[in-house]
Amino acid sequence: MPEEQIDLGNLYRMLRSMEDEGIVRSEWTENTPGRAKRTYELTTLGQNLLDAWVRSLRSTNTTIARFLREYGGDTKGTT
């Protein structure tokens, strides 16, 4: 897996947006070493959205697998 830098500013903007939409909630945690940290967790809505996304990905995976079984095995006539 390639080494990629995460844009932390963008990550936290996305988390705040998700919090505004009720997908995640956050709280400050001060009982960890070092500075206080904001921790995030999924809300019930967030869990429901994640579950729906997983169902959609599984359906897409099934469709692609079916396509590959039907059309991906025959390489005759291809260049």
PDB file of N, CA and C in Angstrom:
ATOM      1  N   MET A   1       0.848  -1.170   0.000  1.00  0.00           N
ATOM      2  CA  MET A   1       0.000   0.000   0.000  1.00  0.00           C
ATOM      3  C   MET A   1       0.898   1.239   0.000  1.00  0.00           C
ATOM      4  N   PRO A   2       0.635   2.166  -0.902  1.00  0.00           N
ATOM      5  CA  PRO A   2       1.509   3.341  -0.972  1.00  0.00           C
ATOM      6  C   PRO A   2       1.386   4.225   0.267  1.00  0.00           C
ATOM      7  N   GLU A   3       2.506   4.840   0.595  1.00  0.00           N
ATOM      8  CA  GLU A   3       2.513   5.780   1.719  1.00  0.00           C
ATOM      9  C   GLU A   3       1.825   7.068   1.262  1.00  0.00           C
ATOM     10  N   GLU A   4       0.766   7.461   1.936  1.00  0.00           N
ATOM     11  CA  GLU A   4       0.062   8.682   1.585  1.00  0.00           C
ATOM     12  C   GLU A   4      -0.046   9.568   2.813  1.00  0.00           C
ATOM     13  N   GLN A   5       0.096  10.853   2.597  1.00  0.00           N
ATOM     14  CA  GLN A   5      -0.076  11.813   3.676  1.00  0.00           C
ATOM     15  C   GLN A   5      -1.562  12.146   3.800  1.00  0.00           C
ATOM     16  N   ILE A   6      -2.056  12.150   5.000  1.00  0.00           N
ATOM     17  CA  ILE A   6      -3.448  12.511   5.250  1.00  0.00           C
ATOM     18  C   ILE A   6      -3.514  14.000   5.535  1.00  0.00           C
ATOM     19  N   ASP A   7      -4.408  14.684   4.846  1.00  0.00           N
ATOM     20  CA  ASP A   7      -4.629  16.102   5.087  1.00  0.00           C
ATOM     21  C   ASP A   7      -5.484  16.225   6.349  1.00  0.00           C
ATOM     22  N   LEU A   8      -4.834  16.463   7.481  1.00  0.00           N
ATOM     23  CA  LEU A   8      -5.547  16.480   8.759  1.00  0.00           C
ATOM     24  C   LEU A   8      -6.583  17.590   8.826  1.00  0.00           C
ATOM     25  N   GLY A   9      -6.300  18.731   8.226  1.00  0.00           N
ATOM     26  CA  GLY A   9      -7.282  19.807   8.206  1.00  0.00           C
ATOM     27  C   GLY A   9      -8.554  19.369   7.508  1.00  0.00           C
ATOM     28  N   ASN A  10      -8.403  18.701   6.377  1.00  0.00           N
ATOM     29  CA  ASN A  10      -9.560  18.204   5.635  1.00  0.00           C
ATOM     30  C   ASN A  10     -10.282  17.114   6.419  1.00  0.00           C
ATOM     31  N   LEU A  11      -9.538  16.235   7.062  1.00  0.00           N
ATOM     32  CA  LEU A  11     -10.135  15.167   7.869  1.00  0.00           C
ATOM     33  C   LEU A  11     -11.007  15.748   8.974  1.00  0.00           C
ATOM     34  N   TYR A  12     -10.494  16.737   9.697  1.00  0.00           N
ATOM     35  CA  TYR A  12     -11.265  17.305  10.797  1.00  0.00           C
ATOM     36  C   TYR A  12     -12.450  18.135  10.301  1.00  0.00           C
ATOM     37  N   ARG A  13     -12.293  18.783   9.153  1.00  0.00           N
ATOM     38  CA  ARG A  13     -13.454  19.484   8.563  1.00  0.00           C
ATOM     39  C   ARG A  13     -14.551  18.471   8.230  1.00  0.00           C
ATOM     40  N   MET A  14     -14.157  17.328   7.674  1.00  0.00           N
ATOM     41  CA  MET A  14     -15.131  16.286   7.331  1.00  0.00           C
ATOM     42  C   MET A  14     -15.800  15.740   8.594  1.00  0.00           C
ATOM     43  N   LEU A  15     -15.023  15.486   9.629  1.00  0.00           N
ATOM     44  CA  LEU A  15     -15.602  14.996  10.887  1.00  0.00           C
ATOM     45  C   LEU A  15     -16.576  16.004  11.478  1.00  0.00           C
ATOM     46  N   ARG A  16     -16.220  17.298  11.444  1.00  0.00           N
ATOM     47  CA  ARG A  16     -17.128  18.320  11.981  1.00  0.00           C
ATOM     48  C   ARG A  16     -18.421  18.380  11.166  1.00  0.00           C
ATOM     49  N   SER A  17     -18.292  18.243   9.851  1.00  0.00           N
ATOM     50  CA  SER A  17     -19.467  18.230   8.985  1.00  0.00           C
ATOM     51  C   SER A  17     -20.352  17.018   9.309  1.00  0.00           C
ATOM     52  N   MET A  18     -19.713  15.865   9.500  1.00  0.00           N
ATOM     53  CA  MET A  18     -20.469  14.657   9.855  1.00  0.00           C
ATOM     54  C   MET A  18     -21.128  14.814  11.218  1.00  0.00           C
ATOM     55  N   GLU A  19     -20.471  15.527  12.118  1.00  0.00           N
ATOM     56  CA  GLU A  19     -21.069  15.781  13.437  1.00  0.00           C
ATOM     57  C   GLU A  19     -22.285  16.703  13.288  1.00  0.00           C
ATOM     58  N   ASP A  20     -22.161  17.730  12.451  1.00  0.00           N
ATOM     59  CA  ASP A  20     -23.296  18.629  12.208  1.00  0.00           C
ATOM     60  C   ASP A  20     -24.496  17.886  11.619  1.00  0.00           C
ATOM     61  N   GLU A  21     -24.219  16.838  10.833  1.00  0.00           N
ATOM     62  CA  GLU A  21     -25.282  16.043  10.208  1.00  0.00           C
ATOM     63  C   GLU A  21     -25.812  14.944  11.121  1.00  0.00           C
ATOM     64  N   GLY A  22     -25.199  14.777  12.308  1.00  0.00           N
ATOM     65  CA  GLY A  22     -25.668  13.773  13.257  1.00  0.00           C
ATOM     66  C   GLY A  22     -25.137  12.376  12.988  1.00  0.00           C
ATOM     67  N   ILE A  23     -24.089  12.262  12.167  1.00  0.00           N
ATOM     68  CA  ILE A  23     -23.528  10.951  11.813  1.00  0.00           C
ATOM     69  C   ILE A  23     -22.534  10.483  12.875  1.00  0.00           C
ATOM     70  N   VAL A  24     -21.785  11.427  13.430  1.00  0.00           N
ATOM     71  CA  VAL A  24     -20.848  11.121  14.515  1.00  0.00           C
ATOM     72  C   VAL A  24     -21.084  12.114  15.652  1.00  0.00           C
ATOM     73  N   ARG A  25     -20.581  11.778  16.818  1.00  0.00           N
ATOM     74  CA  ARG A  25     -20.575  12.713  17.943  1.00  0.00           C
ATOM     75  C   ARG A  25     -19.151  12.712  18.487  1.00  0.00           C
ATOM     76  N   SER A  26     -18.788  13.780  19.150  1.00  0.00           N
ATOM     77  CA  SER A  26     -17.431  13.872  19.678  1.00  0.00           C
ATOM     78  C   SER A  26     -17.454  14.366  21.110  1.00  0.00           C
ATOM     79  N   GLU A  27     -16.348  14.125  21.774  1.00  0.00           N
ATOM     80  CA  GLU A  27     -16.156  14.660  23.118  1.00  0.00           C
ATOM     81  C   GLU A  27     -14.664  14.816  23.342  1.00  0.00           C
ATOM     82  N   TRP A  28     -14.341  15.731  24.216  1.00  0.00           N
ATOM     83  CA  TRP A  28     -12.948  15.931  24.572  1.00  0.00           C
ATOM     84  C   TRP A  28     -12.541  14.899  25.611  1.00  0.00           C
ATOM     85  N   THR A  29     -11.398  14.269  25.403  1.00  0.00           N
ATOM     86  CA  THR A  29     -10.862  13.286  26.333  1.00  0.00           C
ATOM     87  C   THR A  29      -9.588  13.862  26.938  1.00  0.00           C
ATOM     88  N   GLU A  30      -9.594  14.001  28.236  1.00  0.00           N
ATOM     89  CA  GLU A  30      -8.430  14.576  28.914  1.00  0.00           C
ATOM     90  C   GLU A  30      -7.660  13.550  29.730  1.00  0.00           C
ATOM     91  N   ASN A  31      -8.138  12.318  29.760  1.00  0.00           N
ATOM     92  CA  ASN A  31      -7.481  11.308  30.601  1.00  0.00           C
ATOM     93  C   ASN A  31      -6.446  10.492  29.817  1.00  0.00           C
ATOM     94  N   THR A  32      -5.966  11.033  28.698  1.00  0.00           N
ATOM     95  CA  THR A  32      -4.921  10.374  27.927  1.00  0.00           C
ATOM     96  C   THR A  32      -3.628  11.172  28.089  1.00  0.00           C
ATOM     97  N   PRO A  33      -2.491  10.520  27.908  1.00  0.00           N
ATOM     98  CA  PRO A  33      -1.218  11.253  28.021  1.00  0.00           C
ATOM     99  C   PRO A  33      -1.155  12.402  27.006  1.00  0.00           C
ATOM    100  N   GLY A  34      -0.547  13.480  27.402  1.00  0.00           N
ATOM    101  CA  GLY A  34      -0.404  14.623  26.503  1.00  0.00           C
ATOM    102  C   GLY A  34      -1.615  15.531  26.544  1.00  0.00           C
ATOM    103  N   ARG A  35      -1.788  16.256  25.450  1.00  0.00           N
ATOM    104  CA  ARG A  35      -2.891  17.214  25.372  1.00  0.00           C
ATOM    105  C   ARG A  35      -4.241  16.521  25.304  1.00  0.00           C
ATOM    106  N   ALA A  36      -5.283  17.272  25.637  1.00  0.00           N
ATOM    107  CA  ALA A  36      -6.649  16.751  25.508  1.00  0.00           C
ATOM    108  C   ALA A  36      -6.915  16.442  24.042  1.00  0.00           C
ATOM    109  N   LYS A  37      -7.675  15.405  23.801  1.00  0.00           N
ATOM    110  CA  LYS A  37      -7.964  14.970  22.432  1.00  0.00           C
ATOM    111  C   LYS A  37      -9.466  14.871  22.235  1.00  0.00           C
ATOM    112  N   ARG A  38      -9.901  15.227  21.053  1.00  0.00           N
ATOM    113  CA  ARG A  38     -11.314  15.054  20.703  1.00  0.00           C
ATOM    114  C   ARG A  38     -11.448  13.648  20.114  1.00  0.00           C
ATOM    115  N   THR A  39     -12.370  12.866  20.682  1.00  0.00           N
ATOM    116  CA  THR A  39     -12.622  11.522  20.152  1.00  0.00           C
ATOM    117  C   THR A  39     -14.006  11.500  19.518  1.00  0.00           C
ATOM    118  N   TYR A  40     -14.131  10.698  18.474  1.00  0.00           N
ATOM    119  CA  TYR A  40     -15.370  10.623  17.704  1.00  0.00           C
ATOM    120  C   TYR A  40     -15.914   9.208  17.755  1.00  0.00           C
ATOM    121  N   GLU A  41     -17.248   9.103  17.708  1.00  0.00           N
ATOM    122  CA  GLU A  41     -17.896   7.803  17.592  1.00  0.00           C
ATOM    123  C   GLU A  41     -19.145   7.947  16.729  1.00  0.00           C
ATOM    124  N   LEU A  42     -19.514   6.834  16.096  1.00  0.00           N
ATOM    125  CA  LEU A  42     -20.718   6.838  15.267  1.00  0.00           C
ATOM    126  C   LEU A  42     -21.956   6.979  16.139  1.00  0.00           C
ATOM    127  N   THR A  43     -22.922   7.718  15.643  1.00  0.00           N
ATOM    128  CA  THR A  43     -24.241   7.771  16.270  1.00  0.00           C
ATOM    129  C   THR A  43     -25.060   6.612  15.704  1.00  0.00           C
ATOM    130  N   THR A  44     -26.273   6.456  16.185  1.00  0.00           N
ATOM    131  CA  THR A  44     -27.160   5.437  15.614  1.00  0.00           C
ATOM    132  C   THR A  44     -27.384   5.707  14.133  1.00  0.00           C
ATOM    133  N   LEU A  45     -27.602   6.974  13.780  1.00  0.00           N
ATOM    134  CA  LEU A  45     -27.750   7.330  12.371  1.00  0.00           C
ATOM    135  C   LEU A  45     -26.504   6.960  11.587  1.00  0.00           C
ATOM    136  N   GLY A  46     -25.322   7.264  12.137  1.00  0.00           N
ATOM    137  CA  GLY A  46     -24.070   6.919  11.473  1.00  0.00           C
ATOM    138  C   GLY A  46     -23.922   5.423  11.274  1.00  0.00           C
ATOM    139  N   GLN A  47     -24.288   4.644  12.271  1.00  0.00           N
ATOM    140  CA  GLN A  47     -24.214   3.185  12.151  1.00  0.00           C
ATOM    141  C   GLN A  47     -25.178   2.687  11.081  1.00  0.00           C
ATOM    142  N   ASN A  48     -26.381   3.263  11.038  1.00  0.00           N
ATOM    143  CA  ASN A  48     -27.352   2.871  10.013  1.00  0.00           C
ATOM    144  C   ASN A  48     -26.838   3.207   8.617  1.00  0.00           C
ATOM    145  N   LEU A  49     -26.211   4.378   8.458  1.00  0.00           N
ATOM    146  CA  LEU A  49     -25.648   4.748   7.159  1.00  0.00           C
ATOM    147  C   LEU A  49     -24.503   3.817   6.771  1.00  0.00           C
ATOM    148  N   LEU A  50     -23.657   3.484   7.732  1.00  0.00           N
ATOM    149  CA  LEU A  50     -22.560   2.551   7.461  1.00  0.00           C
ATOM    150  C   LEU A  50     -23.098   1.189   7.056  1.00  0.00           C
ATOM    151  N   ASP A  51     -24.107   0.698   7.757  1.00  0.00           N
ATOM    152  CA  ASP A  51     -24.727  -0.588   7.412  1.00  0.00           C
ATOM    153  C   ASP A  51     -25.286  -0.564   5.992  1.00  0.00           C
ATOM    154  N   ALA A  52     -25.946   0.542   5.619  1.00  0.00           N
ATOM    155  CA  ALA A  52     -26.509   0.665   4.268  1.00  0.00           C
ATOM    156  C   ALA A  52     -25.400   0.694   3.231  1.00  0.00           C
ATOM    157  N   TRP A  53     -24.296   1.372   3.530  1.00  0.00           N
ATOM    158  CA  TRP A  53     -23.169   1.447   2.610  1.00  0.00           C
ATOM    159  C   TRP A  53     -22.560   0.062   2.403  1.00  0.00           C
ATOM    160  N   VAL A  54     -22.416  -0.704   3.484  1.00  0.00           N
ATOM    161  CA  VAL A  54     -21.870  -2.058   3.389  1.00  0.00           C
ATOM    162  C   VAL A  54     -22.793  -2.942   2.537  1.00  0.00           C
ATOM    163  N   ARG A  55     -24.109  -2.833   2.742  1.00  0.00           N
ATOM    164  CA  ARG A  55     -25.047  -3.608   1.919  1.00  0.00           C
ATOM    165  C   ARG A  55     -24.904  -3.244   0.446  1.00  0.00           C
ATOM    166  N   SER A  56     -24.779  -1.965   0.165  1.00  0.00           N
ATOM    167  CA  SER A  56     -24.619  -1.507  -1.210  1.00  0.00           C
ATOM    168  C   SER A  56     -23.317  -2.029  -1.822  1.00  0.00           C
ATOM    169  N   LEU A  57     -22.222  -1.979  -1.066  1.00  0.00           N
ATOM    170  CA  LEU A  57     -20.946  -2.489  -1.562  1.00  0.00           C
ATOM    171  C   LEU A  57     -21.005  -3.997  -1.808  1.00  0.00           C
ATOM    172  N   ARG A  58     -21.680  -4.725  -0.924  1.00  0.00           N
ATOM    173  CA  ARG A  58     -21.816  -6.179  -1.126  1.00  0.00           C
ATOM    174  C   ARG A  58     -22.621  -6.476  -2.388  1.00  0.00           C
ATOM    175  N   SER A  59     -23.669  -5.713  -2.613  1.00  0.00           N
ATOM    176  CA  SER A  59     -24.481  -5.892  -3.820  1.00  0.00           C
ATOM    177  C   SER A  59     -23.647  -5.602  -5.067  1.00  0.00           C
ATOM    178  N   THR A  60     -22.887  -4.520  -5.030  1.00  0.00           N
ATOM    179  CA  THR A  60     -22.027  -4.177  -6.162  1.00  0.00           C
ATOM    180  C   THR A  60     -20.983  -5.266  -6.377  1.00  0.00           C
ATOM    181  N   ASN A  61     -20.406  -5.767  -5.300  1.00  0.00           N
ATOM    182  CA  ASN A  61     -19.422  -6.842  -5.394  1.00  0.00           C
ATOM    183  C   ASN A  61     -20.031  -8.084  -6.043  1.00  0.00           C
ATOM    184  N   THR A  62     -21.258  -8.421  -5.657  1.00  0.00           N
ATOM    185  CA  THR A  62     -21.941  -9.571  -6.246  1.00  0.00           C
ATOM    186  C   THR A  62     -22.150  -9.373  -7.740  1.00  0.00           C
ATOM    187  N   THR A  63     -22.554  -8.172  -8.133  1.00  0.00           N
ATOM    188  CA  THR A  63     -22.786  -7.869  -9.549  1.00  0.00           C
ATOM    189  C   THR A  63     -21.486  -7.982 -10.340  1.00  0.00           C
ATOM    190  N   ILE A  64     -20.400  -7.437  -9.809  1.00  0.00           N
ATOM    191  CA  ILE A  64     -19.112  -7.513 -10.501  1.00  0.00           C
ATOM    192  C   ILE A  64     -18.635  -8.958 -10.592  1.00  0.00           C
ATOM    193  N   ALA A  65     -18.774  -9.715  -9.515  1.00  0.00           N
ATOM    194  CA  ALA A  65     -18.357 -11.121  -9.521  1.00  0.00           C
ATOM    195  C   ALA A  65     -19.150 -11.911 -10.559  1.00  0.00           C
ATOM    196  N   ARG A  66     -20.455 -11.643 -10.644  1.00  0.00           N
ATOM    197  CA  ARG A  66     -21.299 -12.316 -11.644  1.00  0.00           C
ATOM    198  C   ARG A  66     -20.821 -11.972 -13.058  1.00  0.00           C
ATOM    199  N   PHE A  67     -20.544 -10.699 -13.291  1.00  0.00           N
ATOM    200  CA  PHE A  67     -20.062 -10.261 -14.595  1.00  0.00           C
ATOM    201  C   PHE A  67     -18.751 -10.966 -14.937  1.00  0.00           C
ATOM    202  N   LEU A  68     -17.824 -11.018 -14.004  1.00  0.00           N
ATOM    203  CA  LEU A  68     -16.530 -11.643 -14.257  1.00  0.00           C
ATOM    204  C   LEU A  68     -16.666 -13.148 -14.508  1.00  0.00           C
ATOM    205  N   ARG A  69     -17.590 -13.798 -13.813  1.00  0.00           N
ATOM    206  CA  ARG A  69     -17.824 -15.227 -14.065  1.00  0.00           C
ATOM    207  C   ARG A  69     -18.349 -15.439 -15.475  1.00  0.00           C
ATOM    208  N   GLU A  70     -19.258 -14.592 -15.909  1.00  0.00           N
ATOM    209  CA  GLU A  70     -19.897 -14.780 -17.206  1.00  0.00           C
ATOM    210  C   GLU A  70     -19.030 -14.314 -18.372  1.00  0.00           C
ATOM    211  N   TYR A  71     -18.279 -13.240 -18.182  1.00  0.00           N
ATOM    212  CA  TYR A  71     -17.552 -12.643 -19.302  1.00  0.00           C
ATOM    213  C   TYR A  71     -16.032 -12.613 -19.125  1.00  0.00           C
ATOM    214  N   GLY A  72     -15.571 -12.756 -17.927  1.00  0.00           N
ATOM    215  CA  GLY A  72     -14.146 -12.599 -17.676  1.00  0.00           C
ATOM    216  C   GLY A  72     -13.310 -13.842 -17.945  1.00  0.00           C
ATOM    217  N   GLY A  73     -13.937 -15.000 -18.029  1.00  0.00           N
ATOM    218  CA  GLY A  73     -13.169 -16.230 -18.197  1.00  0.00           C
ATOM    219  C   GLY A  73     -12.756 -16.534 -19.615  1.00  0.00           C
ATOM    220  N   ASP A  74     -13.450 -15.996 -20.602  1.00  0.00           N
ATOM    221  CA  ASP A  74     -13.147 -16.288 -22.002  1.00  0.00           C
ATOM    222  C   ASP A  74     -12.274 -15.192 -22.561  1.00  0.00           C
ATOM    223  N   THR A  75     -10.989 -15.545 -22.808  1.00  0.00           N
ATOM    224  CA  THR A  75     -10.060 -14.554 -23.350  1.00  0.00           C
ATOM    225  C   THR A  75      -9.802 -14.788 -24.831  1.00  0.00           C
ATOM    226  N   LYS A  76     -10.497 -15.720 -25.476  1.00  0.00           N
ATOM    227  CA  LYS A  76     -10.303 -15.963 -26.913  1.00  0.00           C
ATOM    228  C   LYS A  76     -10.759 -14.734 -27.682  1.00  0.00           C
ATOM    229  N   GLY A  77      -9.951 -14.399 -28.683  1.00  0.00           N
ATOM    230  CA  GLY A  77     -10.335 -13.284 -29.542  1.00  0.00           C
ATOM    231  C   GLY A  77      -9.972 -11.916 -28.987  1.00  0.00           C
ATOM    232  N   THR A  78      -9.325 -11.885 -27.813  1.00  0.00           N
ATOM    233  CA  THR A  78      -8.904 -10.591 -27.276  1.00  0.00           C
ATOM    234  C   THR A  78      -7.451 -10.357 -27.620  1.00  0.00           C
ATOM    235  N   THR A  79      -7.071  -9.121 -27.629  1.00  0.00           N
ATOM    236  CA  THR A  79      -5.665  -8.817 -27.960  1.00  0.00           C
ATOM    237  C   THR A  79      -4.896  -8.432 -26.731  1.00  0.00           C
TER     238      THR A  79
END
